[in-house]
mmCIF file of all heavy atoms, coordinates in Angstrom:
data_MODEL
# 
_entry.id   MODEL 
# 
loop_
_atom_site.group_PDB 
_atom_site.id 
_atom_site.type_symbol 
_atom_site.label_atom_id 
_atom_site.label_alt_id 
_atom_site.label_comp_id 
_atom_site.label_asym_id 
_atom_site.label_entity_id 
_atom_site.label_seq_id 
_atom_site.pdbx_PDB_ins_code 
_atom_site.Cartn_x 
_atom_site.Cartn_y 
_atom_site.Cartn_z 
_atom_site.occupancy 
_atom_site.B_iso_or_equiv 
_atom_site.pdbx_formal_charge 
_atom_site.auth_seq_id 
_atom_site.auth_comp_id 
_atom_site.auth_asym_id 
_atom_site.auth_atom_id 
_atom_site.pdbx_PDB_model_num 
ATOM 1   N N   . ASP A 1 1  ? -48.521 15.522 -70.982 1.00 0.00 ? 1  ASP A N   1 
ATOM 2   C CA  . ASP A 1 1  ? -47.614 15.344 -69.825 1.00 0.00 ? 1  ASP A CA  1 
ATOM 3   C C   . ASP A 1 1  ? -46.854 16.633 -69.541 1.00 0.00 ? 1  ASP A C   1 
ATOM 4   O O   . ASP A 1 1  ? -46.581 16.951 -68.365 1.00 0.00 ? 1  ASP A O   1 
ATOM 5   C CB  . ASP A 1 1  ? -46.644 14.199 -70.061 1.00 0.00 ? 1  ASP A CB  1 
ATOM 6   C CG  . ASP A 1 1  ? -47.319 12.836 -70.009 1.00 0.00 ? 1  ASP A CG  1 
ATOM 7   O OD1 . ASP A 1 1  ? -48.406 12.746 -69.363 1.00 0.00 ? 1  ASP A OD1 1 
ATOM 8   O OD2 . ASP A 1 1  ? -46.788 11.872 -70.588 1.00 0.00 ? 1  ASP A OD2 1 
ATOM 9   N N   . ARG A 1 2  ? -46.490 17.356 -70.593 1.00 0.00 ? 2  ARG A N   1 
ATOM 10  C CA  . ARG A 1 2  ? -45.791 18.630 -70.396 1.00 0.00 ? 2  ARG A CA  1 
ATOM 11  C C   . ARG A 1 2  ? -46.673 19.634 -69.649 1.00 0.00 ? 2  ARG A C   1 
ATOM 12  O O   . ARG A 1 2  ? -46.206 20.358 -68.768 1.00 0.00 ? 2  ARG A O   1 
ATOM 13  C CB  . ARG A 1 2  ? -45.359 19.188 -71.742 1.00 0.00 ? 2  ARG A CB  1 
ATOM 14  C CG  . ARG A 1 2  ? -44.640 20.531 -71.674 1.00 0.00 ? 2  ARG A CG  1 
ATOM 15  C CD  . ARG A 1 2  ? -44.050 20.905 -73.022 1.00 0.00 ? 2  ARG A CD  1 
ATOM 16  N NE  . ARG A 1 2  ? -43.514 22.260 -72.985 1.00 0.00 ? 2  ARG A NE  1 
ATOM 17  C CZ  . ARG A 1 2  ? -44.173 23.329 -73.321 1.00 0.00 ? 2  ARG A CZ  1 
ATOM 18  N NH1 . ARG A 1 2  ? -45.447 23.216 -73.724 1.00 0.00 ? 2  ARG A NH1 1 
ATOM 19  N NH2 . ARG A 1 2  ? -43.656 24.540 -73.251 1.00 0.00 ? 2  ARG A NH2 1 
ATOM 20  N N   . ILE A 1 3  ? -47.951 19.686 -70.028 1.00 0.00 ? 3  ILE A N   1 
ATOM 21  C CA  . ILE A 1 3  ? -48.908 20.574 -69.369 1.00 0.00 ? 3  ILE A CA  1 
ATOM 22  C C   . ILE A 1 3  ? -49.002 20.213 -67.875 1.00 0.00 ? 3  ILE A C   1 
ATOM 23  O O   . ILE A 1 3  ? -48.995 21.091 -67.006 1.00 0.00 ? 3  ILE A O   1 
ATOM 24  C CB  . ILE A 1 3  ? -50.275 20.492 -70.029 1.00 0.00 ? 3  ILE A CB  1 
ATOM 25  C CG1 . ILE A 1 3  ? -50.210 21.111 -71.450 1.00 0.00 ? 3  ILE A CG1 1 
ATOM 26  C CG2 . ILE A 1 3  ? -51.345 21.224 -69.196 1.00 0.00 ? 3  ILE A CG2 1 
ATOM 27  C CD1 . ILE A 1 3  ? -51.435 20.812 -72.290 1.00 0.00 ? 3  ILE A CD1 1 
ATOM 28  N N   . LYS A 1 4  ? -49.085 18.915 -67.558 1.00 0.00 ? 4  LYS A N   1 
ATOM 29  C CA  . LYS A 1 4  ? -49.145 18.471 -66.171 1.00 0.00 ? 4  LYS A CA  1 
ATOM 30  C C   . LYS A 1 4  ? -47.879 18.891 -65.429 1.00 0.00 ? 4  LYS A C   1 
ATOM 31  O O   . LYS A 1 4  ? -47.964 19.356 -64.272 1.00 0.00 ? 4  LYS A O   1 
ATOM 32  C CB  . LYS A 1 4  ? -49.288 16.957 -66.102 1.00 0.00 ? 4  LYS A CB  1 
ATOM 33  C CG  . LYS A 1 4  ? -50.614 16.421 -66.541 1.00 0.00 ? 4  LYS A CG  1 
ATOM 34  C CD  . LYS A 1 4  ? -50.612 14.884 -66.420 1.00 0.00 ? 4  LYS A CD  1 
ATOM 35  C CE  . LYS A 1 4  ? -51.910 14.270 -66.923 1.00 0.00 ? 4  LYS A CE  1 
ATOM 36  N NZ  . LYS A 1 4  ? -51.876 12.775 -66.861 1.00 0.00 ? 4  LYS A NZ  1 
ATOM 37  N N   . PHE A 1 5  ? -46.733 18.744 -66.046 1.00 0.00 ? 5  PHE A N   1 
ATOM 38  C CA  . PHE A 1 5  ? -45.460 19.053 -65.423 1.00 0.00 ? 5  PHE A CA  1 
ATOM 39  C C   . PHE A 1 5  ? -45.340 20.535 -65.092 1.00 0.00 ? 5  PHE A C   1 
ATOM 40  O O   . PHE A 1 5  ? -44.934 20.949 -63.994 1.00 0.00 ? 5  PHE A O   1 
ATOM 41  C CB  . PHE A 1 5  ? -44.316 18.585 -66.291 1.00 0.00 ? 5  PHE A CB  1 
ATOM 42  C CG  . PHE A 1 5  ? -42.947 18.912 -65.722 1.00 0.00 ? 5  PHE A CG  1 
ATOM 43  C CD1 . PHE A 1 5  ? -42.386 18.073 -64.768 1.00 0.00 ? 5  PHE A CD1 1 
ATOM 44  C CD2 . PHE A 1 5  ? -42.247 20.027 -66.130 1.00 0.00 ? 5  PHE A CD2 1 
ATOM 45  C CE1 . PHE A 1 5  ? -41.139 18.357 -64.213 1.00 0.00 ? 5  PHE A CE1 1 
ATOM 46  C CE2 . PHE A 1 5  ? -40.987 20.293 -65.591 1.00 0.00 ? 5  PHE A CE2 1 
ATOM 47  C CZ  . PHE A 1 5  ? -40.444 19.491 -64.638 1.00 0.00 ? 5  PHE A CZ  1 
ATOM 48  N N   . ILE A 1 6  ? -45.684 21.399 -66.072 1.00 0.00 ? 6  ILE A N   1 
ATOM 49  C CA  . ILE A 1 6  ? -45.562 22.843 -65.864 1.00 0.00 ? 6  ILE A CA  1 
ATOM 50  C C   . ILE A 1 6  ? -46.580 23.328 -64.844 1.00 0.00 ? 6  ILE A C   1 
ATOM 51  O O   . ILE A 1 6  ? -46.276 24.151 -63.995 1.00 0.00 ? 6  ILE A O   1 
ATOM 52  C CB  . ILE A 1 6  ? -45.723 23.573 -67.209 1.00 0.00 ? 6  ILE A CB  1 
ATOM 53  C CG1 . ILE A 1 6  ? -44.552 23.208 -68.158 1.00 0.00 ? 6  ILE A CG1 1 
ATOM 54  C CG2 . ILE A 1 6  ? -45.764 25.090 -67.025 1.00 0.00 ? 6  ILE A CG2 1 
ATOM 55  C CD1 . ILE A 1 6  ? -44.693 23.756 -69.557 1.00 0.00 ? 6  ILE A CD1 1 
ATOM 56  N N   . GLY A 1 7  ? -47.808 22.859 -64.967 1.00 0.00 ? 7  GLY A N   1 
ATOM 57  C CA  . GLY A 1 7  ? -48.816 23.150 -63.952 1.00 0.00 ? 7  GLY A CA  1 
ATOM 58  C C   . GLY A 1 7  ? -49.647 24.378 -64.213 1.00 0.00 ? 7  GLY A C   1 
ATOM 59  O O   . GLY A 1 7  ? -49.277 25.289 -64.986 1.00 0.00 ? 7  GLY A O   1 
ATOM 60  N N   . SER A 1 8  ? -50.793 24.418 -63.579 1.00 0.00 ? 8  SER A N   1 
ATOM 61  C CA  . SER A 1 8  ? -51.768 25.482 -63.819 1.00 0.00 ? 8  SER A CA  1 
ATOM 62  C C   . SER A 1 8  ? -51.299 26.847 -63.348 1.00 0.00 ? 8  SER A C   1 
ATOM 63  O O   . SER A 1 8  ? -51.627 27.855 -63.950 1.00 0.00 ? 8  SER A O   1 
ATOM 64  C CB  . SER A 1 8  ? -53.108 25.123 -63.122 1.00 0.00 ? 8  SER A CB  1 
ATOM 65  O OG  . SER A 1 8  ? -52.922 25.027 -61.710 1.00 0.00 ? 8  SER A OG  1 
ATOM 66  N N   . ASP A 1 9  ? -50.541 26.922 -62.274 1.00 0.00 ? 9  ASP A N   1 
ATOM 67  C CA  . ASP A 1 9  ? -50.115 28.230 -61.751 1.00 0.00 ? 9  ASP A CA  1 
ATOM 68  C C   . ASP A 1 9  ? -49.347 29.005 -62.792 1.00 0.00 ? 9  ASP A C   1 
ATOM 69  O O   . ASP A 1 9  ? -49.576 30.238 -62.948 1.00 0.00 ? 9  ASP A O   1 
ATOM 70  C CB  . ASP A 1 9  ? -49.287 28.062 -60.492 1.00 0.00 ? 9  ASP A CB  1 
ATOM 71  C CG  . ASP A 1 9  ? -48.857 29.405 -59.897 1.00 0.00 ? 9  ASP A CG  1 
ATOM 72  O OD1 . ASP A 1 9  ? -49.747 30.191 -59.537 1.00 0.00 ? 9  ASP A OD1 1 
ATOM 73  O OD2 . ASP A 1 9  ? -47.635 29.660 -59.861 1.00 0.00 ? 9  ASP A OD2 1 
ATOM 74  N N   . PHE A 1 10 ? -48.427 28.347 -63.513 1.00 0.00 ? 10 PHE A N   1 
ATOM 75  C CA  . PHE A 1 10 ? -47.654 29.064 -64.503 1.00 0.00 ? 10 PHE A CA  1 
ATOM 76  C C   . PHE A 1 10 ? -48.548 29.547 -65.644 1.00 0.00 ? 10 PHE A C   1 
ATOM 77  O O   . PHE A 1 10 ? -48.494 30.735 -65.996 1.00 0.00 ? 10 PHE A O   1 
ATOM 78  C CB  . PHE A 1 10 ? -46.550 28.160 -65.090 1.00 0.00 ? 10 PHE A CB  1 
ATOM 79  C CG  . PHE A 1 10 ? -45.836 28.830 -66.244 1.00 0.00 ? 10 PHE A CG  1 
ATOM 80  C CD1 . PHE A 1 10 ? -44.837 29.761 -66.028 1.00 0.00 ? 10 PHE A CD1 1 
ATOM 81  C CD2 . PHE A 1 10 ? -46.206 28.523 -67.568 1.00 0.00 ? 10 PHE A CD2 1 
ATOM 82  C CE1 . PHE A 1 10 ? -44.194 30.392 -67.088 1.00 0.00 ? 10 PHE A CE1 1 
ATOM 83  C CE2 . PHE A 1 10 ? -45.555 29.142 -68.622 1.00 0.00 ? 10 PHE A CE2 1 
ATOM 84  C CZ  . PHE A 1 10 ? -44.567 30.061 -68.392 1.00 0.00 ? 10 PHE A CZ  1 
ATOM 85  N N   . PHE A 1 11 ? -49.356 28.665 -66.174 1.00 0.00 ? 11 PHE A N   1 
ATOM 86  C CA  . PHE A 1 11 ? -50.166 29.045 -67.322 1.00 0.00 ? 11 PHE A CA  1 
ATOM 87  C C   . PHE A 1 11 ? -51.189 30.118 -66.961 1.00 0.00 ? 11 PHE A C   1 
ATOM 88  O O   . PHE A 1 11 ? -51.361 31.101 -67.709 1.00 0.00 ? 11 PHE A O   1 
ATOM 89  C CB  . PHE A 1 11 ? -50.893 27.820 -67.904 1.00 0.00 ? 11 PHE A CB  1 
ATOM 90  C CG  . PHE A 1 11 ? -49.978 26.898 -68.670 1.00 0.00 ? 11 PHE A CG  1 
ATOM 91  C CD1 . PHE A 1 11 ? -49.746 25.597 -68.208 1.00 0.00 ? 11 PHE A CD1 1 
ATOM 92  C CD2 . PHE A 1 11 ? -49.370 27.293 -69.838 1.00 0.00 ? 11 PHE A CD2 1 
ATOM 93  C CE1 . PHE A 1 11 ? -48.924 24.751 -68.901 1.00 0.00 ? 11 PHE A CE1 1 
ATOM 94  C CE2 . PHE A 1 11 ? -48.536 26.457 -70.545 1.00 0.00 ? 11 PHE A CE2 1 
ATOM 95  C CZ  . PHE A 1 11 ? -48.305 25.173 -70.074 1.00 0.00 ? 11 PHE A CZ  1 
ATOM 96  N N   . LEU A 1 12 ? -51.844 29.972 -65.844 1.00 0.00 ? 12 LEU A N   1 
ATOM 97  C CA  . LEU A 1 12 ? -52.929 30.891 -65.492 1.00 0.00 ? 12 LEU A CA  1 
ATOM 98  C C   . LEU A 1 12 ? -52.432 32.241 -64.948 1.00 0.00 ? 12 LEU A C   1 
ATOM 99  O O   . LEU A 1 12 ? -53.065 33.270 -65.145 1.00 0.00 ? 12 LEU A O   1 
ATOM 100 C CB  . LEU A 1 12 ? -53.859 30.254 -64.446 1.00 0.00 ? 12 LEU A CB  1 
ATOM 101 C CG  . LEU A 1 12 ? -54.655 29.049 -64.938 1.00 0.00 ? 12 LEU A CG  1 
ATOM 102 C CD1 . LEU A 1 12 ? -55.373 28.384 -63.787 1.00 0.00 ? 12 LEU A CD1 1 
ATOM 103 C CD2 . LEU A 1 12 ? -55.672 29.462 -66.012 1.00 0.00 ? 12 LEU A CD2 1 
ATOM 104 N N   . ASN A 1 13 ? -51.285 32.243 -64.284 1.00 0.00 ? 13 ASN A N   1 
ATOM 105 C CA  . ASN A 1 13 ? -50.872 33.447 -63.559 1.00 0.00 ? 13 ASN A CA  1 
ATOM 106 C C   . ASN A 1 13 ? -49.547 34.062 -64.028 1.00 0.00 ? 13 ASN A C   1 
ATOM 107 O O   . ASN A 1 13 ? -49.318 35.268 -63.809 1.00 0.00 ? 13 ASN A O   1 
ATOM 108 C CB  . ASN A 1 13 ? -50.750 33.135 -62.053 1.00 0.00 ? 13 ASN A CB  1 
ATOM 109 C CG  . ASN A 1 13 ? -52.029 32.617 -61.464 1.00 0.00 ? 13 ASN A CG  1 
ATOM 110 O OD1 . ASN A 1 13 ? -53.115 33.194 -61.695 1.00 0.00 ? 13 ASN A OD1 1 
ATOM 111 N ND2 . ASN A 1 13 ? -51.973 31.510 -60.716 1.00 0.00 ? 13 ASN A ND2 1 
ATOM 112 N N   . LYS A 1 14 ? -48.684 33.280 -64.671 1.00 0.00 ? 14 LYS A N   1 
ATOM 113 C CA  . LYS A 1 14 ? -47.362 33.798 -65.002 1.00 0.00 ? 14 LYS A CA  1 
ATOM 114 C C   . LYS A 1 14 ? -47.095 33.909 -66.516 1.00 0.00 ? 14 LYS A C   1 
ATOM 115 O O   . LYS A 1 14 ? -46.314 34.764 -66.930 1.00 0.00 ? 14 LYS A O   1 
ATOM 116 C CB  . LYS A 1 14 ? -46.301 32.913 -64.358 1.00 0.00 ? 14 LYS A CB  1 
ATOM 117 C CG  . LYS A 1 14 ? -46.380 32.883 -62.832 1.00 0.00 ? 14 LYS A CG  1 
ATOM 118 C CD  . LYS A 1 14 ? -45.436 31.877 -62.222 1.00 0.00 ? 14 LYS A CD  1 
ATOM 119 C CE  . LYS A 1 14 ? -45.603 31.796 -60.706 1.00 0.00 ? 14 LYS A CE  1 
ATOM 120 N NZ  . LYS A 1 14 ? -44.746 30.771 -60.108 1.00 0.00 ? 14 LYS A NZ  1 
ATOM 121 N N   . SER A 1 15 ? -47.724 33.075 -67.282 1.00 0.00 ? 15 SER A N   1 
ATOM 122 C CA  . SER A 1 15 ? -47.516 33.102 -68.727 1.00 0.00 ? 15 SER A CA  1 
ATOM 123 C C   . SER A 1 15 ? -47.969 34.426 -69.313 1.00 0.00 ? 15 SER A C   1 
ATOM 124 O O   . SER A 1 15 ? -48.955 35.002 -68.899 1.00 0.00 ? 15 SER A O   1 
ATOM 125 C CB  . SER A 1 15 ? -48.271 31.968 -69.401 1.00 0.00 ? 15 SER A CB  1 
ATOM 126 O OG  . SER A 1 15 ? -48.283 32.090 -70.804 1.00 0.00 ? 15 SER A OG  1 
ATOM 127 N N   . LYS A 1 16 ? -47.228 34.934 -70.305 1.00 0.00 ? 16 LYS A N   1 
ATOM 128 C CA  . LYS A 1 16 ? -47.575 36.174 -71.004 1.00 0.00 ? 16 LYS A CA  1 
ATOM 129 C C   . LYS A 1 16 ? -48.397 35.923 -72.255 1.00 0.00 ? 16 LYS A C   1 
ATOM 130 O O   . LYS A 1 16 ? -48.782 36.864 -72.956 1.00 0.00 ? 16 LYS A O   1 
ATOM 131 C CB  . LYS A 1 16 ? -46.300 36.930 -71.365 1.00 0.00 ? 16 LYS A CB  1 
ATOM 132 C CG  . LYS A 1 16 ? -45.435 37.297 -70.186 1.00 0.00 ? 16 LYS A CG  1 
ATOM 133 C CD  . LYS A 1 16 ? -46.136 38.201 -69.187 1.00 0.00 ? 16 LYS A CD  1 
ATOM 134 C CE  . LYS A 1 16 ? -45.230 38.619 -68.042 1.00 0.00 ? 16 LYS A CE  1 
ATOM 135 N NZ  . LYS A 1 16 ? -45.961 39.441 -67.025 1.00 0.00 ? 16 LYS A NZ  1 
ATOM 136 N N   . THR A 1 17 ? -48.684 34.674 -72.567 1.00 0.00 ? 17 THR A N   1 
ATOM 137 C CA  . THR A 1 17 ? -49.391 34.361 -73.802 1.00 0.00 ? 17 THR A CA  1 
ATOM 138 C C   . THR A 1 17 ? -50.599 33.472 -73.595 1.00 0.00 ? 17 THR A C   1 
ATOM 139 O O   . THR A 1 17 ? -51.521 33.473 -74.416 1.00 0.00 ? 17 THR A O   1 
ATOM 140 C CB  . THR A 1 17 ? -48.464 33.628 -74.794 1.00 0.00 ? 17 THR A CB  1 
ATOM 141 O OG1 . THR A 1 17 ? -48.036 32.369 -74.222 1.00 0.00 ? 17 THR A OG1 1 
ATOM 142 C CG2 . THR A 1 17 ? -47.235 34.493 -75.119 1.00 0.00 ? 17 THR A CG2 1 
ATOM 143 N N   . PHE A 1 18 ? -50.656 32.719 -72.507 1.00 0.00 ? 18 PHE A N   1 
ATOM 144 C CA  . PHE A 1 18 ? -51.735 31.728 -72.328 1.00 0.00 ? 18 PHE A CA  1 
ATOM 145 C C   . PHE A 1 18 ? -53.086 32.361 -72.045 1.00 0.00 ? 18 PHE A C   1 
ATOM 146 O O   . PHE A 1 18 ? -53.209 33.252 -71.224 1.00 0.00 ? 18 PHE A O   1 
ATOM 147 C CB  . PHE A 1 18 ? -51.366 30.756 -71.200 1.00 0.00 ? 18 PHE A CB  1 
ATOM 148 C CG  . PHE A 1 18 ? -52.484 29.757 -70.930 1.00 0.00 ? 18 PHE A CG  1 
ATOM 149 C CD1 . PHE A 1 18 ? -52.699 28.675 -71.781 1.00 0.00 ? 18 PHE A CD1 1 
ATOM 150 C CD2 . PHE A 1 18 ? -53.354 29.927 -69.868 1.00 0.00 ? 18 PHE A CD2 1 
ATOM 151 C CE1 . PHE A 1 18 ? -53.716 27.775 -71.557 1.00 0.00 ? 18 PHE A CE1 1 
ATOM 152 C CE2 . PHE A 1 18 ? -54.401 29.037 -69.639 1.00 0.00 ? 18 PHE A CE2 1 
ATOM 153 C CZ  . PHE A 1 18 ? -54.554 27.951 -70.467 1.00 0.00 ? 18 PHE A CZ  1 
ATOM 154 N N   . CYS A 1 19 ? -54.089 31.845 -72.739 1.00 0.00 ? 19 CYS A N   1 
ATOM 155 C CA  . CYS A 1 19 ? -55.484 32.211 -72.485 1.00 0.00 ? 19 CYS A CA  1 
ATOM 156 C C   . CYS A 1 19 ? -56.294 30.916 -72.518 1.00 0.00 ? 19 CYS A C   1 
ATOM 157 O O   . CYS A 1 19 ? -56.178 30.138 -73.448 1.00 0.00 ? 19 CYS A O   1 
ATOM 158 C CB  . CYS A 1 19 ? -55.997 33.212 -73.508 1.00 0.00 ? 19 CYS A CB  1 
ATOM 159 S SG  . CYS A 1 19 ? -57.761 33.630 -73.314 1.00 0.00 ? 19 CYS A SG  1 
ATOM 160 N N   . ILE A 1 20 ? -57.144 30.708 -71.553 1.00 0.00 ? 20 ILE A N   1 
ATOM 161 C CA  . ILE A 1 20 ? -57.870 29.442 -71.415 1.00 0.00 ? 20 ILE A CA  1 
ATOM 162 C C   . ILE A 1 20 ? -58.999 29.297 -72.440 1.00 0.00 ? 20 ILE A C   1 
ATOM 163 O O   . ILE A 1 20 ? -59.486 28.203 -72.707 1.00 0.00 ? 20 ILE A O   1 
ATOM 164 C CB  . ILE A 1 20 ? -58.414 29.281 -69.998 1.00 0.00 ? 20 ILE A CB  1 
ATOM 165 C CG1 . ILE A 1 20 ? -58.773 27.816 -69.718 1.00 0.00 ? 20 ILE A CG1 1 
ATOM 166 C CG2 . ILE A 1 20 ? -59.625 30.218 -69.744 1.00 0.00 ? 20 ILE A CG2 1 
ATOM 167 C CD1 . ILE A 1 20 ? -59.061 27.529 -68.243 1.00 0.00 ? 20 ILE A CD1 1 
ATOM 168 N N   . LEU A 1 21 ? -59.425 30.388 -73.063 1.00 0.00 ? 21 LEU A N   1 
ATOM 169 C CA  . LEU A 1 21 ? -60.623 30.356 -73.902 1.00 0.00 ? 21 LEU A CA  1 
ATOM 170 C C   . LEU A 1 21 ? -60.564 29.343 -75.030 1.00 0.00 ? 21 LEU A C   1 
ATOM 171 O O   . LEU A 1 21 ? -61.574 28.651 -75.272 1.00 0.00 ? 21 LEU A O   1 
ATOM 172 C CB  . LEU A 1 21 ? -60.920 31.752 -74.472 1.00 0.00 ? 21 LEU A CB  1 
ATOM 173 C CG  . LEU A 1 21 ? -61.397 32.809 -73.477 1.00 0.00 ? 21 LEU A CG  1 
ATOM 174 C CD1 . LEU A 1 21 ? -61.845 34.087 -74.224 1.00 0.00 ? 21 LEU A CD1 1 
ATOM 175 C CD2 . LEU A 1 21 ? -62.531 32.305 -72.592 1.00 0.00 ? 21 LEU A CD2 1 
ATOM 176 N N   . PRO A 1 22 ? -59.472 29.186 -75.779 1.00 0.00 ? 22 PRO A N   1 
ATOM 177 C CA  . PRO A 1 22 ? -59.494 28.233 -76.908 1.00 0.00 ? 22 PRO A CA  1 
ATOM 178 C C   . PRO A 1 22 ? -59.710 26.773 -76.501 1.00 0.00 ? 22 PRO A C   1 
ATOM 179 O O   . PRO A 1 22 ? -59.884 25.916 -77.387 1.00 0.00 ? 22 PRO A O   1 
ATOM 180 C CB  . PRO A 1 22 ? -58.099 28.402 -77.559 1.00 0.00 ? 22 PRO A CB  1 
ATOM 181 C CG  . PRO A 1 22 ? -57.675 29.781 -77.152 1.00 0.00 ? 22 PRO A CG  1 
ATOM 182 C CD  . PRO A 1 22 ? -58.213 29.975 -75.778 1.00 0.00 ? 22 PRO A CD  1 
ATOM 183 N N   . TRP A 1 23 ? -59.728 26.488 -75.201 1.00 0.00 ? 23 TRP A N   1 
ATOM 184 C CA  . TRP A 1 23 ? -59.958 25.114 -74.724 1.00 0.00 ? 23 TRP A CA  1 
ATOM 185 C C   . TRP A 1 23 ? -61.411 24.886 -74.264 1.00 0.00 ? 23 TRP A C   1 
ATOM 186 O O   . TRP A 1 23 ? -61.793 23.748 -74.047 1.00 0.00 ? 23 TRP A O   1 
ATOM 187 C CB  . TRP A 1 23 ? -59.010 24.796 -73.589 1.00 0.00 ? 23 TRP A CB  1 
ATOM 188 C CG  . TRP A 1 23 ? -57.635 24.410 -74.064 1.00 0.00 ? 23 TRP A CG  1 
ATOM 189 C CD1 . TRP A 1 23 ? -57.142 23.160 -74.314 1.00 0.00 ? 23 TRP A CD1 1 
ATOM 190 C CD2 . TRP A 1 23 ? -56.553 25.309 -74.359 1.00 0.00 ? 23 TRP A CD2 1 
ATOM 191 N NE1 . TRP A 1 23 ? -55.843 23.236 -74.743 1.00 0.00 ? 23 TRP A NE1 1 
ATOM 192 C CE2 . TRP A 1 23 ? -55.455 24.538 -74.797 1.00 0.00 ? 23 TRP A CE2 1 
ATOM 193 C CE3 . TRP A 1 23 ? -56.412 26.708 -74.326 1.00 0.00 ? 23 TRP A CE3 1 
ATOM 194 C CZ2 . TRP A 1 23 ? -54.235 25.089 -75.158 1.00 0.00 ? 23 TRP A CZ2 1 
ATOM 195 C CZ3 . TRP A 1 23 ? -55.196 27.254 -74.701 1.00 0.00 ? 23 TRP A CZ3 1 
ATOM 196 C CH2 . TRP A 1 23 ? -54.124 26.462 -75.113 1.00 0.00 ? 23 TRP A CH2 1 
ATOM 197 N N   . MET A 1 24 ? -62.189 25.949 -74.118 1.00 0.00 ? 24 MET A N   1 
ATOM 198 C CA  . MET A 1 24 ? -63.549 25.738 -73.557 1.00 0.00 ? 24 MET A CA  1 
ATOM 199 C C   . MET A 1 24 ? -64.559 26.798 -73.997 1.00 0.00 ? 24 MET A C   1 
ATOM 200 O O   . MET A 1 24 ? -65.663 26.816 -73.476 1.00 0.00 ? 24 MET A O   1 
ATOM 201 C CB  . MET A 1 24 ? -63.474 25.714 -72.014 1.00 0.00 ? 24 MET A CB  1 
ATOM 202 C CG  . MET A 1 24 ? -62.555 26.752 -71.318 1.00 0.00 ? 24 MET A CG  1 
ATOM 203 S SD  . MET A 1 24 ? -63.075 28.469 -71.416 1.00 0.00 ? 24 MET A SD  1 
ATOM 204 C CE  . MET A 1 24 ? -64.530 28.356 -70.370 1.00 0.00 ? 24 MET A CE  1 
ATOM 205 N N   . HIS A 1 25 ? -64.219 27.574 -74.977 1.00 0.00 ? 25 HIS A N   1 
ATOM 206 C CA  . HIS A 1 25 ? -65.048 28.701 -75.383 1.00 0.00 ? 25 HIS A CA  1 
ATOM 207 C C   . HIS A 1 25 ? -65.237 28.720 -76.877 1.00 0.00 ? 25 HIS A C   1 
ATOM 208 O O   . HIS A 1 25 ? -64.354 28.319 -77.640 1.00 0.00 ? 25 HIS A O   1 
ATOM 209 C CB  . HIS A 1 25 ? -64.377 30.020 -74.923 1.00 0.00 ? 25 HIS A CB  1 
ATOM 210 C CG  . HIS A 1 25 ? -65.000 31.260 -75.466 1.00 0.00 ? 25 HIS A CG  1 
ATOM 211 N ND1 . HIS A 1 25 ? -66.293 31.625 -75.205 1.00 0.00 ? 25 HIS A ND1 1 
ATOM 212 C CD2 . HIS A 1 25 ? -64.514 32.237 -76.275 1.00 0.00 ? 25 HIS A CD2 1 
ATOM 213 C CE1 . HIS A 1 25 ? -66.550 32.785 -75.817 1.00 0.00 ? 25 HIS A CE1 1 
ATOM 214 N NE2 . HIS A 1 25 ? -65.500 33.172 -76.481 1.00 0.00 ? 25 HIS A NE2 1 
ATOM 215 N N   . MET A 1 26 ? -66.399 29.168 -77.303 1.00 0.00 ? 26 MET A N   1 
ATOM 216 C CA  . MET A 1 26 ? -66.653 29.374 -78.722 1.00 0.00 ? 26 MET A CA  1 
ATOM 217 C C   . MET A 1 26 ? -67.321 30.745 -78.911 1.00 0.00 ? 26 MET A C   1 
ATOM 218 O O   . MET A 1 26 ? -68.335 31.047 -78.272 1.00 0.00 ? 26 MET A O   1 
ATOM 219 C CB  . MET A 1 26 ? -67.539 28.266 -79.275 1.00 0.00 ? 26 MET A CB  1 
ATOM 220 C CG  . MET A 1 26 ? -67.694 28.284 -80.778 1.00 0.00 ? 26 MET A CG  1 
ATOM 221 S SD  . MET A 1 26 ? -68.344 26.728 -81.464 1.00 0.00 ? 26 MET A SD  1 
ATOM 222 C CE  . MET A 1 26 ? -69.999 26.677 -80.730 1.00 0.00 ? 26 MET A CE  1 
ATOM 223 N N   . TYR A 1 27 ? -66.705 31.562 -79.747 1.00 0.00 ? 27 TYR A N   1 
ATOM 224 C CA  . TYR A 1 27 ? -67.273 32.848 -80.129 1.00 0.00 ? 27 TYR A CA  1 
ATOM 225 C C   . TYR A 1 27 ? -67.815 32.743 -81.546 1.00 0.00 ? 27 TYR A C   1 
ATOM 226 O O   . TYR A 1 27 ? -67.082 32.460 -82.495 1.00 0.00 ? 27 TYR A O   1 
ATOM 227 C CB  . TYR A 1 27 ? -66.218 33.953 -80.067 1.00 0.00 ? 27 TYR A CB  1 
ATOM 228 C CG  . TYR A 1 27 ? -66.665 35.248 -80.756 1.00 0.00 ? 27 TYR A CG  1 
ATOM 229 C CD1 . TYR A 1 27 ? -67.553 36.111 -80.139 1.00 0.00 ? 27 TYR A CD1 1 
ATOM 230 C CD2 . TYR A 1 27 ? -66.184 35.586 -82.010 1.00 0.00 ? 27 TYR A CD2 1 
ATOM 231 C CE1 . TYR A 1 27 ? -67.974 37.285 -80.762 1.00 0.00 ? 27 TYR A CE1 1 
ATOM 232 C CE2 . TYR A 1 27 ? -66.612 36.759 -82.638 1.00 0.00 ? 27 TYR A CE2 1 
ATOM 233 C CZ  . TYR A 1 27 ? -67.493 37.596 -82.018 1.00 0.00 ? 27 TYR A CZ  1 
ATOM 234 O OH  . TYR A 1 27 ? -67.924 38.735 -82.655 1.00 0.00 ? 27 TYR A OH  1 
# 
């Protein structure tokens, strides 16, 4: 619910730490 509230714009464009890879990527 917190992720929904904050929203994608913050995480994808404004956050200084967020990276989407750990949710959909495997190295």
